[in-house]
Amino acid sequence: SICEFLGVSLMGSFVSTTLAHEVVFPSSFPGQELELFVIGMFSALVGSAIWLGVATFLKLPVSTTQTIVGGIVGFGLVSKGANAINATELYEIIISWFLSPVLGALFSATLFG
């Protein structure tokens, strides 16, 4: 609980900034198209919320982070194609999904082992 609180408190704004500005390039939506970016991000958020509600109701294991990242990437691909996606940032996010449990296990083994 302490580590979760510290993670959200210390790193939460960085996660929000990454999701809002670095997964899909906002510069891919110049001028009046910026409205499309806002609508797309809002749609990804609403779609993620609905999916998380349905998955929770059905007692399915689900990741909120993977859901919102998938929604944002999907919106970027559909609206502007692969060039709108920051592949480097996306790869870093995906790598973190694999590294986090491993590092958590090592930390726990060190602390409690």
N, C-alpha and C. Protein backbone atom coordinates (compact mmCIF):
# COMPACT_ATOMS: atom_id res chain seq x y z
N SER A 1 0.82 -1.20 0.00
CA SER A 1 0.00 0.00 0.00
C SER A 1 0.86 1.26 0.00
N ILE A 2 1.93 1.22 0.77
CA ILE A 2 2.81 2.39 0.85
C ILE A 2 3.46 2.65 -0.50
N CYS A 3 3.94 1.59 -1.14
CA CYS A 3 4.59 1.75 -2.44
C CYS A 3 3.61 2.24 -3.50
N GLU A 4 2.37 1.73 -3.45
CA GLU A 4 1.35 2.19 -4.41
C GLU A 4 1.06 3.67 -4.20
N PHE A 5 0.91 4.08 -2.95
CA PHE A 5 0.66 5.50 -2.64
C PHE A 5 1.81 6.37 -3.12
N LEU A 6 3.04 5.94 -2.82
CA LEU A 6 4.21 6.71 -3.25
C LEU A 6 4.31 6.78 -4.77
N GLY A 7 4.00 5.67 -5.44
CA GLY A 7 4.05 5.66 -6.90
C GLY A 7 3.08 6.65 -7.52
N VAL A 8 1.85 6.65 -7.02
CA VAL A 8 0.85 7.58 -7.54
C VAL A 8 1.21 9.01 -7.19
N SER A 9 1.64 9.23 -5.96
CA SER A 9 1.96 10.58 -5.51
C SER A 9 3.17 11.17 -6.22
N LEU A 10 4.19 10.36 -6.42
CA LEU A 10 5.43 10.87 -6.99
C LEU A 10 5.49 10.79 -8.51
N MET A 11 4.83 9.79 -9.11
CA MET A 11 4.97 9.56 -10.54
C MET A 11 3.68 9.75 -11.33
N GLY A 12 2.56 9.96 -10.66
CA GLY A 12 1.27 10.03 -11.32
C GLY A 12 1.18 11.07 -12.42
N SER A 13 1.75 12.25 -12.18
CA SER A 13 1.68 13.31 -13.19
C SER A 13 2.50 12.95 -14.43
N PHE A 14 3.59 12.20 -14.25
CA PHE A 14 4.40 11.78 -15.40
C PHE A 14 3.62 10.78 -16.26
N VAL A 15 2.89 9.89 -15.61
CA VAL A 15 2.08 8.91 -16.35
C VAL A 15 1.00 9.63 -17.14
N SER A 16 0.31 10.57 -16.50
CA SER A 16 -0.75 11.33 -17.19
C SER A 16 -0.20 12.11 -18.37
N THR A 17 0.94 12.74 -18.20
CA THR A 17 1.56 13.50 -19.28
C THR A 17 1.95 12.59 -20.43
N THR A 18 2.51 11.43 -20.12
CA THR A 18 2.89 10.48 -21.16
C THR A 18 1.67 10.04 -21.96
N LEU A 19 0.60 9.69 -21.26
CA LEU A 19 -0.61 9.24 -21.96
C LEU A 19 -1.22 10.36 -22.80
N ALA A 20 -1.21 11.57 -22.29
CA ALA A 20 -1.86 12.68 -22.99
C ALA A 20 -1.05 13.24 -24.15
N HIS A 21 0.27 13.16 -24.06
CA HIS A 21 1.10 13.87 -25.05
C HIS A 21 2.12 13.03 -25.79
N GLU A 22 2.37 11.80 -25.34
CA GLU A 22 3.50 11.09 -25.92
C GLU A 22 3.18 9.75 -26.56
N VAL A 23 1.98 9.24 -26.40
CA VAL A 23 1.63 7.98 -27.06
C VAL A 23 1.18 8.26 -28.49
N VAL A 24 0.30 9.22 -28.65
CA VAL A 24 -0.11 9.71 -29.96
C VAL A 24 0.42 11.13 -30.07
N PHE A 25 1.06 11.45 -31.19
CA PHE A 25 1.62 12.79 -31.36
C PHE A 25 0.49 13.82 -31.53
N PRO A 26 0.32 14.76 -30.59
CA PRO A 26 -0.69 15.81 -30.77
C PRO A 26 -0.42 16.65 -32.02
N SER A 27 0.85 16.73 -32.44
CA SER A 27 1.19 17.50 -33.64
C SER A 27 0.62 16.88 -34.91
N SER A 28 0.13 15.64 -34.83
CA SER A 28 -0.51 15.01 -35.98
C SER A 28 -1.90 15.59 -36.23
N PHE A 29 -2.35 16.46 -35.33
CA PHE A 29 -3.68 17.05 -35.42
C PHE A 29 -3.56 18.57 -35.43
N PRO A 30 -3.07 19.14 -36.56
CA PRO A 30 -2.83 20.58 -36.62
C PRO A 30 -4.12 21.40 -36.73
N GLY A 31 -4.05 22.63 -36.25
CA GLY A 31 -5.15 23.58 -36.42
C GLY A 31 -6.47 23.09 -35.89
N GLN A 32 -7.48 23.12 -36.77
CA GLN A 32 -8.84 22.73 -36.38
C GLN A 32 -8.95 21.24 -36.03
N GLU A 33 -7.98 20.45 -36.48
CA GLU A 33 -8.01 19.01 -36.19
C GLU A 33 -7.71 18.71 -34.72
N LEU A 34 -7.26 19.72 -33.98
CA LEU A 34 -7.00 19.52 -32.56
C LEU A 34 -8.28 19.07 -31.84
N GLU A 35 -9.43 19.52 -32.34
CA GLU A 35 -10.71 19.08 -31.78
C GLU A 35 -10.87 17.56 -31.94
N LEU A 36 -10.41 17.02 -33.05
CA LEU A 36 -10.45 15.57 -33.27
C LEU A 36 -9.59 14.85 -32.23
N PHE A 37 -8.44 15.43 -31.90
CA PHE A 37 -7.57 14.85 -30.89
C PHE A 37 -8.28 14.80 -29.53
N VAL A 38 -8.93 15.89 -29.16
CA VAL A 38 -9.64 15.96 -27.88
C VAL A 38 -10.79 14.95 -27.86
N ILE A 39 -11.55 14.88 -28.93
CA ILE A 39 -12.67 13.93 -29.01
C ILE A 39 -12.14 12.50 -28.97
N GLY A 40 -11.04 12.24 -29.67
CA GLY A 40 -10.45 10.91 -29.67
C GLY A 40 -9.96 10.48 -28.30
N MET A 41 -9.31 11.40 -27.59
CA MET A 41 -8.84 11.09 -26.24
C MET A 41 -10.02 10.85 -25.30
N PHE A 42 -11.05 11.67 -25.43
CA PHE A 42 -12.24 11.50 -24.60
C PHE A 42 -12.92 10.16 -24.91
N SER A 43 -12.99 9.82 -26.18
CA SER A 43 -13.60 8.54 -26.58
C SER A 43 -12.80 7.36 -26.05
N ALA A 44 -11.48 7.46 -26.08
CA ALA A 44 -10.63 6.40 -25.53
C ALA A 44 -10.90 6.25 -24.03
N LEU A 45 -11.07 7.35 -23.35
CA LEU A 45 -11.34 7.32 -21.91
C LEU A 45 -12.70 6.70 -21.61
N VAL A 46 -13.73 7.12 -22.34
CA VAL A 46 -15.08 6.59 -22.12
C VAL A 46 -15.13 5.11 -22.50
N GLY A 47 -14.55 4.76 -23.63
CA GLY A 47 -14.52 3.36 -24.04
C GLY A 47 -13.79 2.49 -23.03
N SER A 48 -12.70 3.00 -22.49
CA SER A 48 -11.95 2.25 -21.48
C SER A 48 -12.78 2.08 -20.21
N ALA A 49 -13.47 3.13 -19.80
CA ALA A 49 -14.30 3.04 -18.60
C ALA A 49 -15.42 2.01 -18.78
N ILE A 50 -16.04 2.02 -19.94
CA ILE A 50 -17.11 1.04 -20.20
C ILE A 50 -16.55 -0.37 -20.19
N TRP A 51 -15.42 -0.58 -20.89
CA TRP A 51 -14.83 -1.91 -20.93
C TRP A 51 -14.43 -2.38 -19.54
N LEU A 52 -13.82 -1.51 -18.74
CA LEU A 52 -13.41 -1.89 -17.39
C LEU A 52 -14.62 -2.25 -16.53
N GLY A 53 -15.72 -1.52 -16.70
CA GLY A 53 -16.95 -1.85 -15.98
C GLY A 53 -17.50 -3.21 -16.37
N VAL A 54 -17.55 -3.47 -17.67
CA VAL A 54 -18.06 -4.76 -18.16
C VAL A 54 -17.14 -5.90 -17.70
N ALA A 55 -15.84 -5.72 -17.86
CA ALA A 55 -14.89 -6.77 -17.47
C ALA A 55 -14.96 -7.04 -15.97
N THR A 56 -15.10 -6.00 -15.18
CA THR A 56 -15.21 -6.18 -13.73
C THR A 56 -16.50 -6.91 -13.38
N PHE A 57 -17.60 -6.53 -14.03
CA PHE A 57 -18.88 -7.20 -13.79
C PHE A 57 -18.79 -8.69 -14.12
N LEU A 58 -18.09 -9.00 -15.19
CA LEU A 58 -17.93 -10.40 -15.62
C LEU A 58 -16.80 -11.12 -14.87
N LYS A 59 -16.18 -10.40 -13.93
CA LYS A 59 -15.09 -10.94 -13.11
C LYS A 59 -13.89 -11.40 -13.95
N LEU A 60 -13.61 -10.63 -15.00
CA LEU A 60 -12.45 -10.91 -15.85
C LEU A 60 -11.24 -10.15 -15.32
N PRO A 61 -10.07 -10.73 -15.42
CA PRO A 61 -8.86 -9.98 -15.04
C PRO A 61 -8.60 -8.90 -16.09
N VAL A 62 -8.38 -7.70 -15.65
CA VAL A 62 -8.23 -6.60 -16.60
C VAL A 62 -7.24 -5.59 -16.04
N SER A 63 -6.51 -4.94 -16.93
CA SER A 63 -5.54 -3.92 -16.55
C SER A 63 -6.04 -2.56 -17.03
N THR A 64 -6.18 -1.62 -16.10
CA THR A 64 -6.63 -0.29 -16.49
C THR A 64 -5.60 0.39 -17.39
N THR A 65 -4.32 0.18 -17.09
CA THR A 65 -3.27 0.81 -17.89
C THR A 65 -3.27 0.28 -19.32
N GLN A 66 -3.35 -1.03 -19.46
CA GLN A 66 -3.36 -1.61 -20.80
C GLN A 66 -4.62 -1.20 -21.55
N THR A 67 -5.72 -1.07 -20.84
CA THR A 67 -6.97 -0.66 -21.48
C THR A 67 -6.89 0.75 -22.03
N ILE A 68 -6.41 1.70 -21.23
CA ILE A 68 -6.36 3.09 -21.70
C ILE A 68 -5.29 3.27 -22.78
N VAL A 69 -4.16 2.61 -22.63
CA VAL A 69 -3.12 2.71 -23.68
C VAL A 69 -3.66 2.12 -24.98
N GLY A 70 -4.33 0.99 -24.90
CA GLY A 70 -4.93 0.38 -26.10
C GLY A 70 -5.96 1.29 -26.74
N GLY A 71 -6.77 1.96 -25.92
CA GLY A 71 -7.77 2.88 -26.45
C GLY A 71 -7.13 4.06 -27.16
N ILE A 72 -6.08 4.61 -26.57
CA ILE A 72 -5.39 5.76 -27.17
C ILE A 72 -4.69 5.35 -28.46
N VAL A 73 -4.01 4.21 -28.45
CA VAL A 73 -3.32 3.73 -29.65
C VAL A 73 -4.36 3.44 -30.75
N GLY A 74 -5.45 2.81 -30.38
CA GLY A 74 -6.50 2.52 -31.36
C GLY A 74 -7.06 3.77 -32.00
N PHE A 75 -7.32 4.78 -31.17
CA PHE A 75 -7.83 6.06 -31.70
C PHE A 75 -6.81 6.69 -32.65
N GLY A 76 -5.52 6.66 -32.27
CA GLY A 76 -4.49 7.24 -33.13
C GLY A 76 -4.36 6.51 -34.45
N LEU A 77 -4.40 5.18 -34.41
CA LEU A 77 -4.30 4.39 -35.64
C LEU A 77 -5.48 4.62 -36.56
N VAL A 78 -6.68 4.65 -36.00
CA VAL A 78 -7.88 4.81 -36.83
C VAL A 78 -7.95 6.21 -37.43
N SER A 79 -7.60 7.22 -36.63
CA SER A 79 -7.78 8.60 -37.12
C SER A 79 -6.64 9.08 -38.02
N LYS A 80 -5.40 8.70 -37.72
CA LYS A 80 -4.27 9.24 -38.47
C LYS A 80 -3.27 8.21 -38.98
N GLY A 81 -3.44 6.96 -38.62
CA GLY A 81 -2.53 5.92 -39.09
C GLY A 81 -1.33 5.74 -38.18
N ALA A 82 -0.46 4.84 -38.57
CA ALA A 82 0.69 4.45 -37.74
C ALA A 82 1.67 5.61 -37.51
N ASN A 83 1.72 6.58 -38.42
CA ASN A 83 2.65 7.70 -38.25
C ASN A 83 2.29 8.59 -37.08
N ALA A 84 1.05 8.51 -36.59
CA ALA A 84 0.64 9.32 -35.45
C ALA A 84 1.07 8.71 -34.12
N ILE A 85 1.51 7.45 -34.15
CA ILE A 85 1.86 6.73 -32.93
C ILE A 85 3.35 6.90 -32.66
N ASN A 86 3.68 7.22 -31.42
CA ASN A 86 5.07 7.31 -30.99
C ASN A 86 5.52 5.90 -30.61
N ALA A 87 6.08 5.19 -31.57
CA ALA A 87 6.44 3.78 -31.38
C ALA A 87 7.44 3.60 -30.25
N THR A 88 8.40 4.50 -30.13
CA THR A 88 9.41 4.39 -29.08
C THR A 88 8.76 4.44 -27.71
N GLU A 89 7.87 5.38 -27.51
CA GLU A 89 7.18 5.51 -26.22
C GLU A 89 6.29 4.29 -25.97
N LEU A 90 5.62 3.82 -27.00
CA LEU A 90 4.77 2.65 -26.87
C LEU A 90 5.59 1.42 -26.48
N TYR A 91 6.75 1.24 -27.11
CA TYR A 91 7.62 0.11 -26.76
C TYR A 91 8.07 0.21 -25.30
N GLU A 92 8.41 1.41 -24.85
CA GLU A 92 8.83 1.59 -23.46
C GLU A 92 7.70 1.23 -22.49
N ILE A 93 6.48 1.60 -22.83
CA ILE A 93 5.33 1.27 -21.99
C ILE A 93 5.15 -0.25 -21.94
N ILE A 94 5.21 -0.89 -23.09
CA ILE A 94 5.03 -2.34 -23.14
C ILE A 94 6.13 -3.06 -22.37
N ILE A 95 7.37 -2.60 -22.51
CA ILE A 95 8.48 -3.20 -21.76
C ILE A 95 8.24 -3.05 -20.26
N SER A 96 7.72 -1.89 -19.84
CA SER A 96 7.46 -1.69 -18.41
C SER A 96 6.40 -2.66 -17.89
N TRP A 97 5.46 -3.07 -18.74
CA TRP A 97 4.45 -4.04 -18.32
C TRP A 97 5.09 -5.38 -17.99
N PHE A 98 6.16 -5.72 -18.67
CA PHE A 98 6.84 -6.98 -18.40
C PHE A 98 7.85 -6.85 -17.27
N LEU A 99 8.51 -5.69 -17.17
CA LEU A 99 9.52 -5.50 -16.14
C LEU A 99 8.93 -5.28 -14.75
N SER A 100 7.79 -4.63 -14.67
CA SER A 100 7.21 -4.29 -13.36
C SER A 100 6.99 -5.51 -12.47
N PRO A 101 6.34 -6.58 -12.94
CA PRO A 101 6.17 -7.73 -12.05
C PRO A 101 7.49 -8.40 -11.67
N VAL A 102 8.44 -8.41 -12.60
CA VAL A 102 9.74 -9.02 -12.31
C VAL A 102 10.46 -8.22 -11.23
N LEU A 103 10.50 -6.90 -11.39
CA LEU A 103 11.15 -6.06 -10.40
C LEU A 103 10.42 -6.11 -9.06
N GLY A 104 9.09 -6.16 -9.10
CA GLY A 104 8.31 -6.29 -7.87
C GLY A 104 8.61 -7.58 -7.14
N ALA A 105 8.74 -8.66 -7.90
CA ALA A 105 9.07 -9.96 -7.30
C ALA A 105 10.46 -9.94 -6.69
N LEU A 106 11.41 -9.35 -7.38
CA LEU A 106 12.79 -9.25 -6.85
C LEU A 106 12.82 -8.41 -5.59
N PHE A 107 12.10 -7.29 -5.60
CA PHE A 107 12.03 -6.43 -4.44
C PHE A 107 11.42 -7.17 -3.25
N SER A 108 10.33 -7.89 -3.50
CA SER A 108 9.67 -8.65 -2.44
C SER A 108 10.57 -9.76 -1.91
N ALA A 109 11.24 -10.46 -2.81
CA ALA A 109 12.14 -11.54 -2.40
C ALA A 109 13.28 -10.99 -1.54
N THR A 110 13.77 -9.82 -1.92
CA THR A 110 14.85 -9.20 -1.15
C THR A 110 14.34 -8.74 0.22
N LEU A 111 13.17 -8.15 0.24
CA LEU A 111 12.62 -7.62 1.47
C LEU A 111 12.16 -8.70 2.43
N PHE A 112 11.52 -9.73 1.90
CA PHE A 112 10.93 -10.75 2.75
C PHE A 112 11.67 -12.09 2.75
N GLY A 113 12.65 -12.23 1.88
CA GLY A 113 13.32 -13.52 1.72
C GLY A 113 14.48 -13.75 2.59
